Amino acid sequence: MESGLELFSSQGYARTSISAVLRHAGLKDRYFTESFSSLDDLMAALMRDIYEEQITRCAEAIGTDQPLRDRARNMIDVIVGLPLQDPRKGRVKLAESLGAGPLTARERRLGLQRMSGLVDSLLREGPHDPRIDTVTLSVAVVGAVSEMLLSWFNGVLDISREELVDQGLLLFEAITRMPGGTPSVS
């Protein structure tokens, strides 16, 4: 898995072969097939691990008695921080996984659904506009923050980490406002 992470992040998924992963890991062919059915299966396993780490840390960030706004900010900071702590994981999660196969696409969808579930739990706190479907809006928030993060990671957005977190929080706050512009977060 470490060799897959290294090669996918440095060469790209499309330019990585099973043979290259085996050479990098110093293993024989049979060792790959004992653990993975394909390169896509290896990428899917990496995505599962990356999302598990992120979701665990996000759940910890929102599982406190801090005000809702602070917990939302902390969660966004965790999401932004992962690619900085290990840029290889950031490259794999944000870019290389998009060009992988159906197993990886499934893991990515599951990871985004789990992240949306955490955001939904925050959106359900406090009063909100009854027209709001928090499940749908949580998907929108996760998608928007993911796209912001991808653009930032790729150098398209020339802002600091703090500014990116602030923008993600502004998005979250815009969604958590009640009719008439009254914030529902404390």
N, C-alpha and C. Protein backbone atom coordinates (compact mmCIF):
# COMPACT_ATOMS: atom_id res chain seq x y z
N MET A 1 0.84 -1.19 0.00
CA MET A 1 0.00 0.00 0.00
C MET A 1 0.88 1.25 0.00
N GLU A 2 1.96 1.21 0.76
CA GLU A 2 2.87 2.36 0.80
C GLU A 2 3.46 2.63 -0.58
N SER A 3 3.83 1.59 -1.29
CA SER A 3 4.37 1.76 -2.64
C SER A 3 3.31 2.32 -3.59
N GLY A 4 2.08 1.84 -3.47
CA GLY A 4 1.00 2.38 -4.28
C GLY A 4 0.80 3.85 -4.01
N LEU A 5 0.77 4.22 -2.74
CA LEU A 5 0.61 5.63 -2.37
C LEU A 5 1.72 6.47 -2.96
N GLU A 6 2.94 5.99 -2.85
CA GLU A 6 4.10 6.74 -3.36
C GLU A 6 4.03 6.89 -4.88
N LEU A 7 3.76 5.82 -5.58
CA LEU A 7 3.76 5.87 -7.05
C LEU A 7 2.55 6.61 -7.60
N PHE A 8 1.38 6.36 -7.03
CA PHE A 8 0.18 7.07 -7.51
C PHE A 8 0.35 8.58 -7.34
N SER A 9 0.97 8.98 -6.24
CA SER A 9 1.11 10.41 -5.97
C SER A 9 2.24 11.03 -6.77
N SER A 10 3.28 10.29 -7.08
CA SER A 10 4.42 10.87 -7.79
C SER A 10 4.32 10.72 -9.31
N GLN A 11 3.84 9.58 -9.80
CA GLN A 11 3.75 9.34 -11.24
C GLN A 11 2.34 9.50 -11.77
N GLY A 12 1.37 9.32 -10.89
CA GLY A 12 -0.02 9.33 -11.31
C GLY A 12 -0.55 7.92 -11.46
N TYR A 13 -1.83 7.77 -11.24
CA TYR A 13 -2.47 6.46 -11.34
C TYR A 13 -2.32 5.90 -12.76
N ALA A 14 -2.58 6.71 -13.77
CA ALA A 14 -2.57 6.25 -15.15
C ALA A 14 -1.19 5.77 -15.60
N ARG A 15 -0.13 6.26 -14.98
CA ARG A 15 1.23 5.87 -15.37
C ARG A 15 1.85 4.86 -14.40
N THR A 16 1.04 4.27 -13.55
CA THR A 16 1.54 3.29 -12.60
C THR A 16 1.01 1.91 -13.00
N SER A 17 1.89 0.95 -12.95
CA SER A 17 1.51 -0.44 -13.26
C SER A 17 1.68 -1.31 -12.03
N ILE A 18 1.07 -2.47 -12.07
CA ILE A 18 1.24 -3.44 -10.98
C ILE A 18 2.72 -3.80 -10.87
N SER A 19 3.38 -3.98 -12.02
CA SER A 19 4.82 -4.31 -12.01
C SER A 19 5.63 -3.23 -11.31
N ALA A 20 5.29 -1.97 -11.57
CA ALA A 20 6.01 -0.87 -10.93
C ALA A 20 5.80 -0.88 -9.41
N VAL A 21 4.58 -1.15 -8.99
CA VAL A 21 4.29 -1.22 -7.54
C VAL A 21 5.10 -2.36 -6.92
N LEU A 22 5.13 -3.52 -7.58
CA LEU A 22 5.88 -4.65 -7.05
C LEU A 22 7.38 -4.35 -6.99
N ARG A 23 7.92 -3.74 -8.06
CA ARG A 23 9.35 -3.37 -8.06
C ARG A 23 9.64 -2.41 -6.91
N HIS A 24 8.80 -1.39 -6.77
CA HIS A 24 9.00 -0.39 -5.71
C HIS A 24 8.96 -1.03 -4.32
N ALA A 25 8.06 -1.99 -4.15
CA ALA A 25 7.91 -2.66 -2.85
C ALA A 25 8.92 -3.78 -2.67
N GLY A 26 9.60 -4.18 -3.75
CA GLY A 26 10.56 -5.28 -3.65
C GLY A 26 9.88 -6.62 -3.47
N LEU A 27 8.72 -6.79 -4.10
CA LEU A 27 7.94 -8.02 -3.94
C LEU A 27 7.81 -8.78 -5.26
N LYS A 28 7.47 -10.04 -5.16
CA LYS A 28 7.19 -10.89 -6.32
C LYS A 28 5.72 -10.75 -6.71
N ASP A 29 5.41 -11.13 -7.95
CA ASP A 29 4.05 -10.99 -8.50
C ASP A 29 2.96 -11.58 -7.61
N ARG A 30 3.20 -12.74 -7.07
CA ARG A 30 2.13 -13.42 -6.33
C ARG A 30 1.69 -12.63 -5.09
N TYR A 31 2.57 -11.79 -4.55
CA TYR A 31 2.22 -11.04 -3.35
C TYR A 31 1.13 -10.00 -3.64
N PHE A 32 1.14 -9.47 -4.84
CA PHE A 32 0.11 -8.50 -5.19
C PHE A 32 -1.25 -9.18 -5.26
N THR A 33 -1.31 -10.29 -5.97
CA THR A 33 -2.61 -10.96 -6.17
C THR A 33 -3.14 -11.60 -4.89
N GLU A 34 -2.31 -11.79 -3.91
CA GLU A 34 -2.79 -12.29 -2.62
C GLU A 34 -3.56 -11.21 -1.87
N SER A 35 -3.29 -9.94 -2.17
CA SER A 35 -3.93 -8.84 -1.46
C SER A 35 -4.92 -8.05 -2.32
N PHE A 36 -4.65 -7.93 -3.61
CA PHE A 36 -5.46 -7.07 -4.47
C PHE A 36 -5.77 -7.76 -5.79
N SER A 37 -6.96 -7.50 -6.30
CA SER A 37 -7.36 -8.10 -7.57
C SER A 37 -6.91 -7.28 -8.77
N SER A 38 -6.58 -6.00 -8.53
CA SER A 38 -6.20 -5.11 -9.63
C SER A 38 -5.56 -3.85 -9.04
N LEU A 39 -5.04 -3.02 -9.93
CA LEU A 39 -4.51 -1.72 -9.51
C LEU A 39 -5.63 -0.86 -8.93
N ASP A 40 -6.81 -0.95 -9.52
CA ASP A 40 -7.98 -0.23 -9.01
C ASP A 40 -8.31 -0.68 -7.59
N ASP A 41 -8.17 -1.97 -7.32
CA ASP A 41 -8.43 -2.49 -5.97
C ASP A 41 -7.43 -1.89 -4.97
N LEU A 42 -6.17 -1.75 -5.38
CA LEU A 42 -5.16 -1.12 -4.52
C LEU A 42 -5.52 0.34 -4.26
N MET A 43 -5.89 1.07 -5.31
CA MET A 43 -6.29 2.48 -5.14
C MET A 43 -7.52 2.57 -4.24
N ALA A 44 -8.47 1.67 -4.40
CA ALA A 44 -9.67 1.69 -3.56
C ALA A 44 -9.31 1.48 -2.09
N ALA A 45 -8.38 0.58 -1.83
CA ALA A 45 -7.94 0.35 -0.45
C ALA A 45 -7.27 1.59 0.13
N LEU A 46 -6.47 2.28 -0.69
CA LEU A 46 -5.85 3.52 -0.23
C LEU A 46 -6.92 4.57 0.08
N MET A 47 -7.90 4.70 -0.80
CA MET A 47 -8.98 5.67 -0.58
C MET A 47 -9.74 5.35 0.70
N ARG A 48 -10.01 4.08 0.92
CA ARG A 48 -10.72 3.67 2.14
C ARG A 48 -9.93 4.10 3.38
N ASP A 49 -8.63 3.88 3.36
CA ASP A 49 -7.78 4.26 4.49
C ASP A 49 -7.74 5.78 4.68
N ILE A 50 -7.59 6.50 3.57
CA ILE A 50 -7.52 7.96 3.65
C ILE A 50 -8.83 8.52 4.21
N TYR A 51 -9.96 8.05 3.68
CA TYR A 51 -11.24 8.54 4.19
C TYR A 51 -11.46 8.13 5.63
N GLU A 52 -11.05 6.93 6.00
CA GLU A 52 -11.23 6.49 7.39
C GLU A 52 -10.47 7.42 8.35
N GLU A 53 -9.24 7.75 7.99
CA GLU A 53 -8.45 8.68 8.81
C GLU A 53 -9.14 10.04 8.90
N GLN A 54 -9.57 10.55 7.76
CA GLN A 54 -10.21 11.87 7.73
C GLN A 54 -11.52 11.88 8.51
N ILE A 55 -12.34 10.87 8.33
CA ILE A 55 -13.64 10.82 9.00
C ILE A 55 -13.46 10.68 10.50
N THR A 56 -12.52 9.86 10.92
CA THR A 56 -12.24 9.71 12.36
C THR A 56 -11.83 11.04 12.97
N ARG A 57 -10.94 11.75 12.29
CA ARG A 57 -10.47 13.03 12.81
C ARG A 57 -11.57 14.09 12.77
N CYS A 58 -12.40 14.07 11.73
CA CYS A 58 -13.53 15.02 11.65
C CYS A 58 -14.55 14.73 12.75
N ALA A 59 -14.84 13.46 12.99
CA ALA A 59 -15.80 13.10 14.05
C ALA A 59 -15.29 13.58 15.40
N GLU A 60 -13.99 13.48 15.63
CA GLU A 60 -13.41 13.99 16.87
C GLU A 60 -13.55 15.51 16.94
N ALA A 61 -13.37 16.18 15.80
CA ALA A 61 -13.43 17.65 15.76
C ALA A 61 -14.83 18.17 16.05
N ILE A 62 -15.86 17.43 15.66
CA ILE A 62 -17.23 17.90 15.90
C ILE A 62 -17.86 17.27 17.14
N GLY A 63 -17.17 16.32 17.73
CA GLY A 63 -17.72 15.63 18.89
C GLY A 63 -17.35 16.28 20.21
N THR A 64 -17.30 17.59 20.22
CA THR A 64 -16.95 18.32 21.44
C THR A 64 -18.16 19.14 21.88
N ASP A 65 -18.01 19.85 22.98
CA ASP A 65 -19.10 20.71 23.45
C ASP A 65 -18.89 22.17 23.03
N GLN A 66 -18.02 22.40 22.06
CA GLN A 66 -17.81 23.75 21.54
C GLN A 66 -19.06 24.21 20.79
N PRO A 67 -19.17 25.51 20.58
CA PRO A 67 -20.28 26.01 19.76
C PRO A 67 -20.23 25.40 18.35
N LEU A 68 -21.38 25.33 17.73
CA LEU A 68 -21.52 24.73 16.40
C LEU A 68 -20.53 25.34 15.40
N ARG A 69 -20.42 26.64 15.40
CA ARG A 69 -19.53 27.32 14.46
C ARG A 69 -18.08 26.84 14.62
N ASP A 70 -17.62 26.72 15.85
CA ASP A 70 -16.25 26.28 16.10
C ASP A 70 -16.05 24.83 15.66
N ARG A 71 -17.05 23.99 15.91
CA ARG A 71 -16.93 22.59 15.49
C ARG A 71 -16.91 22.47 13.97
N ALA A 72 -17.74 23.28 13.30
CA ALA A 72 -17.73 23.27 11.83
C ALA A 72 -16.37 23.73 11.31
N ARG A 73 -15.84 24.79 11.90
CA ARG A 73 -14.52 25.30 11.50
C ARG A 73 -13.45 24.23 11.72
N ASN A 74 -13.50 23.57 12.86
CA ASN A 74 -12.51 22.53 13.16
C ASN A 74 -12.57 21.39 12.15
N MET A 75 -13.79 21.02 11.75
CA MET A 75 -13.95 19.95 10.78
C MET A 75 -13.35 20.36 9.43
N ILE A 76 -13.64 21.57 9.01
CA ILE A 76 -13.10 22.06 7.73
C ILE A 76 -11.57 22.13 7.81
N ASP A 77 -11.05 22.54 8.95
CA ASP A 77 -9.60 22.61 9.12
C ASP A 77 -8.97 21.22 9.01
N VAL A 78 -9.63 20.20 9.54
CA VAL A 78 -9.13 18.83 9.41
C VAL A 78 -9.08 18.43 7.94
N ILE A 79 -10.15 18.74 7.21
CA ILE A 79 -10.23 18.37 5.79
C ILE A 79 -9.12 19.07 5.00
N VAL A 80 -8.90 20.33 5.28
CA VAL A 80 -7.86 21.10 4.58
C VAL A 80 -6.47 20.63 5.01
N GLY A 81 -6.33 20.24 6.25
CA GLY A 81 -5.03 19.87 6.78
C GLY A 81 -4.47 18.55 6.29
N LEU A 82 -5.34 17.61 5.95
CA LEU A 82 -4.85 16.29 5.53
C LEU A 82 -3.89 16.36 4.35
N PRO A 83 -4.21 17.08 3.26
CA PRO A 83 -3.26 17.14 2.14
C PRO A 83 -1.95 17.84 2.49
N LEU A 84 -1.98 18.69 3.51
CA LEU A 84 -0.75 19.37 3.92
C LEU A 84 0.12 18.46 4.76
N GLN A 85 -0.51 17.65 5.59
CA GLN A 85 0.25 16.74 6.45
C GLN A 85 0.93 15.64 5.64
N ASP A 86 0.24 15.15 4.63
CA ASP A 86 0.83 14.16 3.74
C ASP A 86 0.36 14.46 2.32
N PRO A 87 1.14 15.26 1.59
CA PRO A 87 0.73 15.65 0.24
C PRO A 87 0.46 14.46 -0.69
N ARG A 88 1.08 13.32 -0.40
CA ARG A 88 0.81 12.13 -1.21
C ARG A 88 -0.66 11.72 -1.07
N LYS A 89 -1.16 11.73 0.15
CA LYS A 89 -2.56 11.39 0.37
C LYS A 89 -3.48 12.42 -0.27
N GLY A 90 -3.07 13.67 -0.20
CA GLY A 90 -3.86 14.72 -0.84
C GLY A 90 -3.95 14.52 -2.33
N ARG A 91 -2.81 14.24 -2.98
CA ARG A 91 -2.79 14.02 -4.43
C ARG A 91 -3.65 12.82 -4.80
N VAL A 92 -3.52 11.72 -4.05
CA VAL A 92 -4.29 10.52 -4.34
C VAL A 92 -5.78 10.77 -4.17
N LYS A 93 -6.16 11.37 -3.03
CA LYS A 93 -7.58 11.59 -2.74
C LYS A 93 -8.21 12.61 -3.69
N LEU A 94 -7.53 13.71 -3.90
CA LEU A 94 -8.13 14.82 -4.63
C LEU A 94 -8.02 14.71 -6.14
N ALA A 95 -6.99 14.05 -6.64
CA ALA A 95 -6.78 14.06 -8.09
C ALA A 95 -6.69 12.66 -8.69
N GLU A 96 -5.77 11.86 -8.22
CA GLU A 96 -5.51 10.58 -8.88
C GLU A 96 -6.67 9.60 -8.76
N SER A 97 -7.42 9.67 -7.69
CA SER A 97 -8.56 8.75 -7.52
C SER A 97 -9.64 9.00 -8.57
N LEU A 98 -9.69 10.20 -9.11
CA LEU A 98 -10.72 10.53 -10.11
C LEU A 98 -10.51 9.77 -11.41
N GLY A 99 -9.28 9.36 -11.70
CA GLY A 99 -9.00 8.65 -12.94
C GLY A 99 -8.88 7.15 -12.77
N ALA A 100 -9.17 6.64 -11.60
CA ALA A 100 -9.08 5.21 -11.34
C ALA A 100 -10.39 4.53 -11.78
N GLY A 101 -10.53 3.29 -11.42
CA GLY A 101 -11.67 2.50 -11.89
C GLY A 101 -12.87 2.50 -10.96
N PRO A 102 -13.79 1.58 -11.21
CA PRO A 102 -15.06 1.54 -10.48
C PRO A 102 -14.93 1.23 -8.99
N LEU A 103 -13.95 0.45 -8.59
CA LEU A 103 -13.78 0.16 -7.17
C LEU A 103 -13.39 1.42 -6.40
N THR A 104 -12.50 2.19 -6.99
CA THR A 104 -12.09 3.45 -6.38
C THR A 104 -13.24 4.44 -6.37
N ALA A 105 -13.98 4.51 -7.47
CA ALA A 105 -15.14 5.42 -7.54
C ALA A 105 -16.13 5.08 -6.44
N ARG A 106 -16.33 3.80 -6.19
CA ARG A 106 -17.25 3.38 -5.11
C ARG A 106 -16.73 3.84 -3.75
N GLU A 107 -15.44 3.65 -3.49
CA GLU A 107 -14.87 4.07 -2.20
C GLU A 107 -14.95 5.59 -2.04
N ARG A 108 -14.73 6.30 -3.12
CA ARG A 108 -14.83 7.76 -3.07
C ARG A 108 -16.26 8.18 -2.74
N ARG A 109 -17.23 7.56 -3.40
CA ARG A 109 -18.65 7.87 -3.10
C ARG A 109 -18.98 7.57 -1.64
N LEU A 110 -18.54 6.40 -1.17
CA LEU A 110 -18.81 6.03 0.23
C LEU A 110 -18.15 7.01 1.19
N GLY A 111 -16.93 7.41 0.90
CA GLY A 111 -16.24 8.38 1.75
C GLY A 111 -16.96 9.71 1.78
N LEU A 112 -17.39 10.18 0.61
CA LEU A 112 -18.12 11.45 0.54
C LEU A 112 -19.47 11.35 1.26
N GLN A 113 -20.13 10.20 1.15
CA GLN A 113 -21.40 10.00 1.87
C GLN A 113 -21.18 10.06 3.37
N ARG A 114 -20.12 9.44 3.84
CA ARG A 114 -19.84 9.46 5.27
C ARG A 114 -19.50 10.87 5.74
N MET A 115 -18.74 11.60 4.92
CA MET A 115 -18.44 13.00 5.26
C MET A 115 -19.74 13.81 5.28
N SER A 116 -20.60 13.57 4.31
CA SER A 116 -21.89 14.28 4.26
C SER A 116 -22.72 13.98 5.50
N GLY A 117 -22.63 12.76 5.99
CA GLY A 117 -23.35 12.40 7.22
C GLY A 117 -22.89 13.22 8.41
N LEU A 118 -21.58 13.48 8.49
CA LEU A 118 -21.07 14.31 9.58
C LEU A 118 -21.58 15.75 9.44
N VAL A 119 -21.55 16.27 8.21
CA VAL A 119 -22.04 17.64 7.98
C VAL A 119 -23.54 17.69 8.28
N ASP A 120 -24.28 16.67 7.86
CA ASP A 120 -25.72 16.62 8.13
C ASP A 120 -25.99 16.69 9.64
N SER A 121 -25.18 15.99 10.42
CA SER A 121 -25.39 16.03 11.87
C SER A 121 -25.22 17.45 12.41
N LEU A 122 -24.31 18.21 11.82
CA LEU A 122 -24.14 19.61 12.23
C LEU A 122 -25.31 20.47 11.74
N LEU A 123 -25.73 20.25 10.50
CA LEU A 123 -26.83 21.05 9.94
C LEU A 123 -28.14 20.85 10.71
N ARG A 124 -28.32 19.68 11.29
CA ARG A 124 -29.57 19.38 12.02
C ARG A 124 -29.63 20.03 13.40
N GLU A 125 -28.51 20.52 13.87
CA GLU A 125 -28.50 21.17 15.18
C GLU A 125 -29.14 22.54 15.08
N GLY A 126 -29.94 22.87 16.02
CA GLY A 126 -30.56 24.19 16.07
C GLY A 126 -31.68 24.34 15.06
N PRO A 127 -32.37 25.46 15.13
CA PRO A 127 -33.48 25.69 14.20
C PRO A 127 -32.98 25.96 12.79
N HIS A 128 -33.79 25.57 11.82
CA HIS A 128 -33.44 25.86 10.43
C HIS A 128 -34.72 25.97 9.60
N ASP A 129 -34.57 26.48 8.44
CA ASP A 129 -35.67 26.65 7.50
C ASP A 129 -36.28 25.27 7.21
N PRO A 130 -37.58 25.09 7.44
CA PRO A 130 -38.19 23.77 7.22
C PRO A 130 -38.14 23.31 5.77
N ARG A 131 -37.90 24.22 4.86
CA ARG A 131 -37.77 23.83 3.45
C ARG A 131 -36.43 23.17 3.16
N ILE A 132 -35.49 23.30 4.08
CA ILE A 132 -34.15 22.77 3.87
C ILE A 132 -34.14 21.26 4.10
N ASP A 133 -33.63 20.57 3.12
CA ASP A 133 -33.35 19.13 3.25
C ASP A 133 -31.88 19.03 3.63
N THR A 134 -31.60 18.77 4.89
CA THR A 134 -30.22 18.79 5.37
C THR A 134 -29.36 17.72 4.71
N VAL A 135 -29.95 16.60 4.33
CA VAL A 135 -29.17 15.55 3.66
C VAL A 135 -28.65 16.08 2.32
N THR A 136 -29.53 16.71 1.56
CA THR A 136 -29.14 17.26 0.26
C THR A 136 -28.11 18.37 0.42
N LEU A 137 -28.35 19.27 1.36
CA LEU A 137 -27.42 20.38 1.54
C LEU A 137 -26.08 19.92 2.10
N SER A 138 -26.07 18.86 2.89
CA SER A 138 -24.79 18.35 3.39
C SER A 138 -23.95 17.81 2.23
N VAL A 139 -24.60 17.18 1.26
CA VAL A 139 -23.89 16.71 0.06
C VAL A 139 -23.31 17.91 -0.69
N ALA A 140 -24.10 18.97 -0.79
CA ALA A 140 -23.65 20.18 -1.48
C ALA A 140 -22.45 20.81 -0.78
N VAL A 141 -22.49 20.88 0.54
CA VAL A 141 -21.38 21.46 1.30
C VAL A 141 -20.11 20.64 1.10
N VAL A 142 -20.22 19.33 1.22
CA VAL A 142 -19.05 18.46 1.06
C VAL A 142 -18.49 18.58 -0.35
N GLY A 143 -19.38 18.60 -1.34
CA GLY A 143 -18.93 18.74 -2.72
C GLY A 143 -18.24 20.07 -2.97
N ALA A 144 -18.84 21.13 -2.45
CA ALA A 144 -18.26 22.46 -2.65
C ALA A 144 -16.91 22.60 -1.95
N VAL A 145 -16.82 22.14 -0.72
CA VAL A 145 -15.55 22.23 0.00
C VAL A 145 -14.50 21.35 -0.68
N SER A 146 -14.91 20.19 -1.17
CA SER A 146 -13.96 19.31 -1.89
C SER A 146 -13.42 20.00 -3.14
N GLU A 147 -14.29 20.66 -3.89
CA GLU A 147 -13.84 21.37 -5.09
C GLU A 147 -12.95 22.56 -4.75
N MET A 148 -13.29 23.27 -3.68
CA MET A 148 -12.44 24.38 -3.24
C MET A 148 -11.06 23.85 -2.86
N LEU A 149 -11.04 22.73 -2.14
CA LEU A 149 -9.78 22.14 -1.70
C LEU A 149 -8.96 21.65 -2.90
N LEU A 150 -9.60 21.02 -3.87
CA LEU A 150 -8.89 20.57 -5.06
C LEU A 150 -8.28 21.74 -5.81
N SER A 151 -9.04 22.82 -5.98
CA SER A 151 -8.52 24.00 -6.67
C SER A 151 -7.35 24.62 -5.91
N TRP A 152 -7.46 24.65 -4.60
CA TRP A 152 -6.39 25.19 -3.76
C TRP A 152 -5.15 24.30 -3.84
N PHE A 153 -5.36 23.00 -3.73
CA PHE A 153 -4.26 22.03 -3.76
C PHE A 153 -3.53 22.10 -5.10
N ASN A 154 -4.26 22.33 -6.19
CA ASN A 154 -3.67 22.41 -7.53
C ASN A 154 -3.12 23.79 -7.86
N GLY A 155 -3.20 24.74 -6.92
CA GLY A 155 -2.64 26.06 -7.13
C GLY A 155 -3.54 27.02 -7.88
N VAL A 156 -4.78 26.65 -8.11
CA VAL A 156 -5.72 27.53 -8.81
C VAL A 156 -6.18 28.65 -7.89
N LEU A 157 -6.41 28.34 -6.64
CA LEU A 157 -6.79 29.35 -5.64
C LEU A 157 -5.53 29.79 -4.91
N ASP A 158 -5.21 31.06 -5.02
CA ASP A 158 -4.01 31.60 -4.39
C ASP A 158 -4.39 32.25 -3.07
N ILE A 159 -4.75 31.40 -2.10
CA ILE A 159 -5.12 31.87 -0.77
C ILE A 159 -4.42 31.00 0.27
N SER A 160 -4.39 31.47 1.50
CA SER A 160 -3.75 30.71 2.57
C SER A 160 -4.68 29.61 3.07
N ARG A 161 -4.11 28.72 3.84
CA ARG A 161 -4.92 27.67 4.46
C ARG A 161 -6.03 28.29 5.30
N GLU A 162 -5.68 29.29 6.08
CA GLU A 162 -6.65 29.96 6.95
C GLU A 162 -7.78 30.57 6.13
N GLU A 163 -7.42 31.19 5.01
CA GLU A 163 -8.46 31.78 4.14
C GLU A 163 -9.37 30.70 3.54
N LEU A 164 -8.78 29.57 3.18
CA LEU A 164 -9.58 28.48 2.64
C LEU A 164 -10.56 27.95 3.69
N VAL A 165 -10.08 27.78 4.91
CA VAL A 165 -10.96 27.34 6.00
C VAL A 165 -12.06 28.37 6.23
N ASP A 166 -11.70 29.65 6.22
CA ASP A 166 -12.70 30.72 6.40
C ASP A 166 -13.76 30.66 5.31
N GLN A 167 -13.36 30.43 4.06
CA GLN A 167 -14.32 30.37 2.97
C GLN A 167 -15.25 29.16 3.11
N GLY A 168 -14.69 28.04 3.52
CA GLY A 168 -15.52 26.86 3.78
C GLY A 168 -16.52 27.11 4.89
N LEU A 169 -16.07 27.81 5.93
CA LEU A 169 -16.96 28.13 7.05
C LEU A 169 -18.05 29.10 6.61
N LEU A 170 -17.71 30.08 5.78
CA LEU A 170 -18.72 31.00 5.26
C LEU A 170 -19.80 30.25 4.48
N LEU A 171 -19.39 29.27 3.70
CA LEU A 171 -20.35 28.44 2.98
C LEU A 171 -21.27 27.71 3.95
N PHE A 172 -20.68 27.08 4.95
CA PHE A 172 -21.47 26.37 5.96
C PHE A 172 -22.44 27.32 6.66
N GLU A 173 -21.95 28.50 7.04
CA GLU A 173 -22.80 29.47 7.74
C GLU A 173 -23.93 29.98 6.85
N ALA A 174 -23.66 30.14 5.56
CA ALA A 174 -24.71 30.60 4.64
C ALA A 174 -25.85 29.59 4.58
N ILE A 175 -25.51 28.33 4.67
CA ILE A 175 -26.53 27.28 4.62
C ILE A 175 -27.27 27.16 5.94
N THR A 176 -26.63 27.49 7.04
CA THR A 176 -27.27 27.32 8.34
C THR A 176 -28.04 28.55 8.80
N ARG A 177 -28.27 29.49 7.91
CA ARG A 177 -29.05 30.68 8.27
C ARG A 177 -30.54 30.40 8.14
N MET A 178 -31.28 30.97 9.03
CA MET A 178 -32.74 30.82 9.01
C MET A 178 -33.33 31.85 8.05
N PRO A 179 -34.61 31.69 7.69
CA PRO A 179 -35.24 32.69 6.83
C PRO A 179 -35.11 34.07 7.45
N GLY A 180 -34.91 35.06 6.60
CA GLY A 180 -34.76 36.42 7.09
C GLY A 180 -33.34 36.76 7.48
N GLY A 181 -32.40 35.82 7.26
CA GLY A 181 -30.99 36.10 7.50
C GLY A 181 -30.54 35.92 8.93
N THR A 182 -31.37 35.38 9.81
CA THR A 182 -30.99 35.16 11.20
C THR A 182 -30.16 33.90 11.29
N PRO A 183 -28.92 33.98 11.79
CA PRO A 183 -28.10 32.79 11.89
C PRO A 183 -28.71 31.80 12.87
N SER A 184 -28.60 30.51 12.53
CA SER A 184 -29.08 29.48 13.45
C SER A 184 -27.93 28.86 14.20
N VAL A 185 -26.69 29.28 13.94
CA VAL A 185 -25.54 28.73 14.65
C VAL A 185 -25.15 29.64 15.79
N SER A 186 -24.59 29.04 16.83
CA SER A 186 -24.14 29.86 17.97
C SER A 186 -22.65 29.85 18.06
